[in-house]
Amino acid sequence: MYNTEHYIKNLRTLFDAQPRPSMLPGWLWLPPEQRERRLRELLQPLANTSR
């Protein structure tokens, strides 16, 4: 089994290998309530088709 420190170190390495945050969608940096509204807008079509 991995110890926790090793696991966290691996996670950090993976995270550092990701593209810079500027490549992530802008709504990730919005305040929580705006982010929630944006997520709802994005998920609305999915909710409609799953019924």
PDB file of N, CA and C in Angstrom:
ATOM      1  N   MET A   1       0.847  -1.212   0.000  1.00  0.00           N
ATOM      2  CA  MET A   1       0.000   0.000   0.000  1.00  0.00           C
ATOM      3  C   MET A   1       0.880   1.260   0.000  1.00  0.00           C
ATOM      4  N   TYR A   2       0.404   2.269  -0.709  1.00  0.00           N
ATOM      5  CA  TYR A   2       1.110   3.550  -0.683  1.00  0.00           C
ATOM      6  C   TYR A   2       0.863   4.227   0.646  1.00  0.00           C
ATOM      7  N   ASN A   3       1.873   4.931   1.136  1.00  0.00           N
ATOM      8  CA  ASN A   3       1.586   5.770   2.288  1.00  0.00           C
ATOM      9  C   ASN A   3       1.042   7.098   1.792  1.00  0.00           C
ATOM     10  N   THR A   4       0.412   7.825   2.688  1.00  0.00           N
ATOM     11  CA  THR A   4      -0.307   9.036   2.291  1.00  0.00           C
ATOM     12  C   THR A   4       0.618  10.061   1.651  1.00  0.00           C
ATOM     13  N   GLU A   5       1.805  10.220   2.227  1.00  0.00           N
ATOM     14  CA  GLU A   5       2.739  11.216   1.699  1.00  0.00           C
ATOM     15  C   GLU A   5       3.093  10.925   0.244  1.00  0.00           C
ATOM     16  N   HIS A   6       3.347   9.662  -0.024  1.00  0.00           N
ATOM     17  CA  HIS A   6       3.705   9.243  -1.378  1.00  0.00           C
ATOM     18  C   HIS A   6       2.552   9.525  -2.332  1.00  0.00           C
ATOM     19  N   TYR A   7       1.346   9.215  -1.870  1.00  0.00           N
ATOM     20  CA  TYR A   7       0.143   9.428  -2.677  1.00  0.00           C
ATOM     21  C   TYR A   7      -0.030  10.904  -3.019  1.00  0.00           C
ATOM     22  N   ILE A   8       0.117  11.759  -1.998  1.00  0.00           N
ATOM     23  CA  ILE A   8      -0.034  13.203  -2.198  1.00  0.00           C
ATOM     24  C   ILE A   8       1.047  13.718  -3.142  1.00  0.00           C
ATOM     25  N   LYS A   9       2.253  13.189  -2.987  1.00  0.00           N
ATOM     26  CA  LYS A   9       3.347  13.598  -3.861  1.00  0.00           C
ATOM     27  C   LYS A   9       3.018  13.250  -5.312  1.00  0.00           C
ATOM     28  N   ASN A  10       2.468  12.058  -5.529  1.00  0.00           N
ATOM     29  CA  ASN A  10       2.071  11.653  -6.877  1.00  0.00           C
ATOM     30  C   ASN A  10       0.972  12.545  -7.426  1.00  0.00           C
ATOM     31  N   LEU A  11      -0.008  12.851  -6.587  1.00  0.00           N
ATOM     32  CA  LEU A  11      -1.097  13.732  -7.002  1.00  0.00           C
ATOM     33  C   LEU A  11      -0.554  15.082  -7.421  1.00  0.00           C
ATOM     34  N   ARG A  12       0.371  15.609  -6.609  1.00  0.00           N
ATOM     35  CA  ARG A  12       0.939  16.919  -6.901  1.00  0.00           C
ATOM     36  C   ARG A  12       1.694  16.882  -8.224  1.00  0.00           C
ATOM     37  N   THR A  13       2.421  15.806  -8.458  1.00  0.00           N
ATOM     38  CA  THR A  13       3.168  15.660  -9.705  1.00  0.00           C
ATOM     39  C   THR A  13       2.214  15.643 -10.889  1.00  0.00           C
ATOM     40  N   LEU A  14       1.122  14.876 -10.757  1.00  0.00           N
ATOM     41  CA  LEU A  14       0.106  14.828 -11.807  1.00  0.00           C
ATOM     42  C   LEU A  14      -0.471  16.206 -12.049  1.00  0.00           C
ATOM     43  N   PHE A  15      -0.790  16.889 -10.951  1.00  0.00           N
ATOM     44  CA  PHE A  15      -1.406  18.204 -11.056  1.00  0.00           C
ATOM     45  C   PHE A  15      -0.466  19.189 -11.745  1.00  0.00           C
ATOM     46  N   ASP A  16       0.811  19.138 -11.385  1.00  0.00           N
ATOM     47  CA  ASP A  16       1.790  20.051 -11.980  1.00  0.00           C
ATOM     48  C   ASP A  16       1.983  19.767 -13.464  1.00  0.00           C
ATOM     49  N   ALA A  17       1.710  18.532 -13.877  1.00  0.00           N
ATOM     50  CA  ALA A  17       1.873  18.167 -15.277  1.00  0.00           C
ATOM     51  C   ALA A  17       0.707  18.664 -16.131  1.00  0.00           C
ATOM     52  N   GLN A  18      -0.381  19.057 -15.485  1.00  0.00           N
ATOM     53  CA  GLN A  18      -1.552  19.537 -16.218  1.00  0.00           C
ATOM     54  C   GLN A  18      -1.250  20.888 -16.860  1.00  0.00           C
ATOM     55  N   PRO A  19      -2.021  21.261 -17.881  1.00  0.00           N
ATOM     56  CA  PRO A  19      -1.868  22.597 -18.460  1.00  0.00           C
ATOM     57  C   PRO A  19      -2.125  23.670 -17.406  1.00  0.00           C
ATOM     58  N   ARG A  20      -1.591  24.835 -17.648  1.00  0.00           N
ATOM     59  CA  ARG A  20      -1.777  25.941 -16.704  1.00  0.00           C
ATOM     60  C   ARG A  20      -3.263  26.273 -16.554  1.00  0.00           C
ATOM     61  N   PRO A  21      -3.645  26.830 -15.386  1.00  0.00           N
ATOM     62  CA  PRO A  21      -5.047  27.165 -15.125  1.00  0.00           C
ATOM     63  C   PRO A  21      -5.694  28.045 -16.189  1.00  0.00           C
ATOM     64  N   SER A  22      -4.904  28.818 -16.907  1.00  0.00           N
ATOM     65  CA  SER A  22      -5.479  29.710 -17.916  1.00  0.00           C
ATOM     66  C   SER A  22      -6.202  28.924 -19.012  1.00  0.00           C
ATOM     67  N   MET A  23      -5.878  27.639 -19.130  1.00  0.00           N
ATOM     68  CA  MET A  23      -6.506  26.817 -20.154  1.00  0.00           C
ATOM     69  C   MET A  23      -7.838  26.239 -19.694  1.00  0.00           C
ATOM     70  N   LEU A  24      -8.098  26.344 -18.386  1.00  0.00           N
ATOM     71  CA  LEU A  24      -9.358  25.835 -17.846  1.00  0.00           C
ATOM     72  C   LEU A  24     -10.476  26.814 -18.133  1.00  0.00           C
ATOM     73  N   PRO A  25     -11.732  26.324 -18.154  1.00  0.00           N
ATOM     74  CA  PRO A  25     -12.851  27.228 -18.425  1.00  0.00           C
ATOM     75  C   PRO A  25     -12.939  28.355 -17.400  1.00  0.00           C
ATOM     76  N   GLY A  26     -13.319  29.526 -17.862  1.00  0.00           N
ATOM     77  CA  GLY A  26     -13.344  30.698 -16.995  1.00  0.00           C
ATOM     78  C   GLY A  26     -14.295  30.581 -15.823  1.00  0.00           C
ATOM     79  N   TRP A  27     -15.378  29.805 -15.987  1.00  0.00           N
ATOM     80  CA  TRP A  27     -16.366  29.764 -14.906  1.00  0.00           C
ATOM     81  C   TRP A  27     -15.848  29.089 -13.652  1.00  0.00           C
ATOM     82  N   LEU A  28     -14.732  28.376 -13.757  1.00  0.00           N
ATOM     83  CA  LEU A  28     -14.158  27.760 -12.563  1.00  0.00           C
ATOM     84  C   LEU A  28     -13.723  28.819 -11.554  1.00  0.00           C
ATOM     85  N   TRP A  29     -13.400  30.002 -12.048  1.00  0.00           N
ATOM     86  CA  TRP A  29     -12.884  31.043 -11.162  1.00  0.00           C
ATOM     87  C   TRP A  29     -13.970  32.005 -10.707  1.00  0.00           C
ATOM     88  N   LEU A  30     -15.216  31.758 -11.121  1.00  0.00           N
ATOM     89  CA  LEU A  30     -16.315  32.610 -10.680  1.00  0.00           C
ATOM     90  C   LEU A  30     -16.632  32.335  -9.216  1.00  0.00           C
ATOM     91  N   PRO A  31     -17.290  33.297  -8.559  1.00  0.00           N
ATOM     92  CA  PRO A  31     -17.784  33.042  -7.202  1.00  0.00           C
ATOM     93  C   PRO A  31     -18.753  31.866  -7.223  1.00  0.00           C
ATOM     94  N   PRO A  32     -18.875  31.139  -6.109  1.00  0.00           N
ATOM     95  CA  PRO A  32     -19.671  29.903  -6.068  1.00  0.00           C
ATOM     96  C   PRO A  32     -21.076  30.032  -6.632  1.00  0.00           C
ATOM     97  N   GLU A  33     -21.785  31.114  -6.305  1.00  0.00           N
ATOM     98  CA  GLU A  33     -23.178  31.197  -6.767  1.00  0.00           C
ATOM     99  C   GLU A  33     -23.255  31.372  -8.280  1.00  0.00           C
ATOM    100  N   GLN A  34     -22.339  32.157  -8.851  1.00  0.00           N
ATOM    101  CA  GLN A  34     -22.317  32.324 -10.310  1.00  0.00           C
ATOM    102  C   GLN A  34     -21.879  31.030 -10.988  1.00  0.00           C
ATOM    103  N   ARG A  35     -20.914  30.346 -10.361  1.00  0.00           N
ATOM    104  CA  ARG A  35     -20.419  29.087 -10.901  1.00  0.00           C
ATOM    105  C   ARG A  35     -21.549  28.053 -10.920  1.00  0.00           C
ATOM    106  N   GLU A  36     -22.349  28.063  -9.860  1.00  0.00           N
ATOM    107  CA  GLU A  36     -23.469  27.138  -9.767  1.00  0.00           C
ATOM    108  C   GLU A  36     -24.485  27.403 -10.872  1.00  0.00           C
ATOM    109  N   ARG A  37     -24.766  28.686 -11.106  1.00  0.00           N
ATOM    110  CA  ARG A  37     -25.717  29.065 -12.148  1.00  0.00           C
ATOM    111  C   ARG A  37     -25.204  28.608 -13.515  1.00  0.00           C
ATOM    112  N   ARG A  38     -23.909  28.821 -13.747  1.00  0.00           N
ATOM    113  CA  ARG A  38     -23.293  28.431 -15.018  1.00  0.00           C
ATOM    114  C   ARG A  38     -23.378  26.914 -15.216  1.00  0.00           C
ATOM    115  N   LEU A  39     -23.087  26.177 -14.136  1.00  0.00           N
ATOM    116  CA  LEU A  39     -23.149  24.721 -14.207  1.00  0.00           C
ATOM    117  C   LEU A  39     -24.556  24.253 -14.533  1.00  0.00           C
ATOM    118  N   ARG A  40     -25.545  24.900 -13.909  1.00  0.00           N
ATOM    119  CA  ARG A  40     -26.942  24.537 -14.182  1.00  0.00           C
ATOM    120  C   ARG A  40     -27.273  24.762 -15.647  1.00  0.00           C
ATOM    121  N   GLU A  41     -26.808  25.885 -16.204  1.00  0.00           N
ATOM    122  CA  GLU A  41     -27.048  26.174 -17.623  1.00  0.00           C
ATOM    123  C   GLU A  41     -26.431  25.081 -18.496  1.00  0.00           C
ATOM    124  N   LEU A  42     -25.222  24.664 -18.125  1.00  0.00           N
ATOM    125  CA  LEU A  42     -24.530  23.647 -18.915  1.00  0.00           C
ATOM    126  C   LEU A  42     -25.218  22.290 -18.814  1.00  0.00           C
ATOM    127  N   LEU A  43     -25.763  21.999 -17.622  1.00  0.00           N
ATOM    128  CA  LEU A  43     -26.341  20.676 -17.391  1.00  0.00           C
ATOM    129  C   LEU A  43     -27.807  20.589 -17.776  1.00  0.00           C
ATOM    130  N   GLN A  44     -28.440  21.711 -17.995  1.00  0.00           N
ATOM    131  CA  GLN A  44     -29.867  21.733 -18.305  1.00  0.00           C
ATOM    132  C   GLN A  44     -30.227  20.837 -19.494  1.00  0.00           C
ATOM    133  N   PRO A  45     -29.527  20.955 -20.641  1.00  0.00           N
ATOM    134  CA  PRO A  45     -29.855  20.095 -21.786  1.00  0.00           C
ATOM    135  C   PRO A  45     -29.756  18.611 -21.445  1.00  0.00           C
ATOM    136  N   LEU A  46     -28.765  18.247 -20.645  1.00  0.00           N
ATOM    137  CA  LEU A  46     -28.596  16.849 -20.252  1.00  0.00           C
ATOM    138  C   LEU A  46     -29.782  16.376 -19.427  1.00  0.00           C
ATOM    139  N   ALA A  47     -30.224  17.222 -18.497  1.00  0.00           N
ATOM    140  CA  ALA A  47     -31.354  16.875 -17.641  1.00  0.00           C
ATOM    141  C   ALA A  47     -32.611  16.671 -18.479  1.00  0.00           C
ATOM    142  N   ASN A  48     -32.761  17.488 -19.517  1.00  0.00           N
ATOM    143  CA  ASN A  48     -33.952  17.391 -20.361  1.00  0.00           C
ATOM    144  C   ASN A  48     -33.960  16.117 -21.202  1.00  0.00           C
ATOM    145  N   THR A  49     -32.795  15.708 -21.680  1.00  0.00           N
ATOM    146  CA  THR A  49     -32.753  14.541 -22.564  1.00  0.00           C
ATOM    147  C   THR A  49     -32.825  13.236 -21.789  1.00  0.00           C
ATOM    148  N   SER A  50     -32.454  13.252 -20.516  1.00  0.00           N
ATOM    149  CA  SER A  50     -32.414  12.002 -19.748  1.00  0.00           C
ATOM    150  C   SER A  50     -33.812  11.546 -19.329  1.00  0.00           C
ATOM    151  N   ARG A  51     -34.806  12.430 -19.428  1.00  0.00           N
ATOM    152  CA  ARG A  51     -36.169  12.045 -19.028  1.00  0.00           C
ATOM    153  C   ARG A  51     -36.837  11.175 -20.062  1.00  0.00           C
TER     154      ARG A  51
END
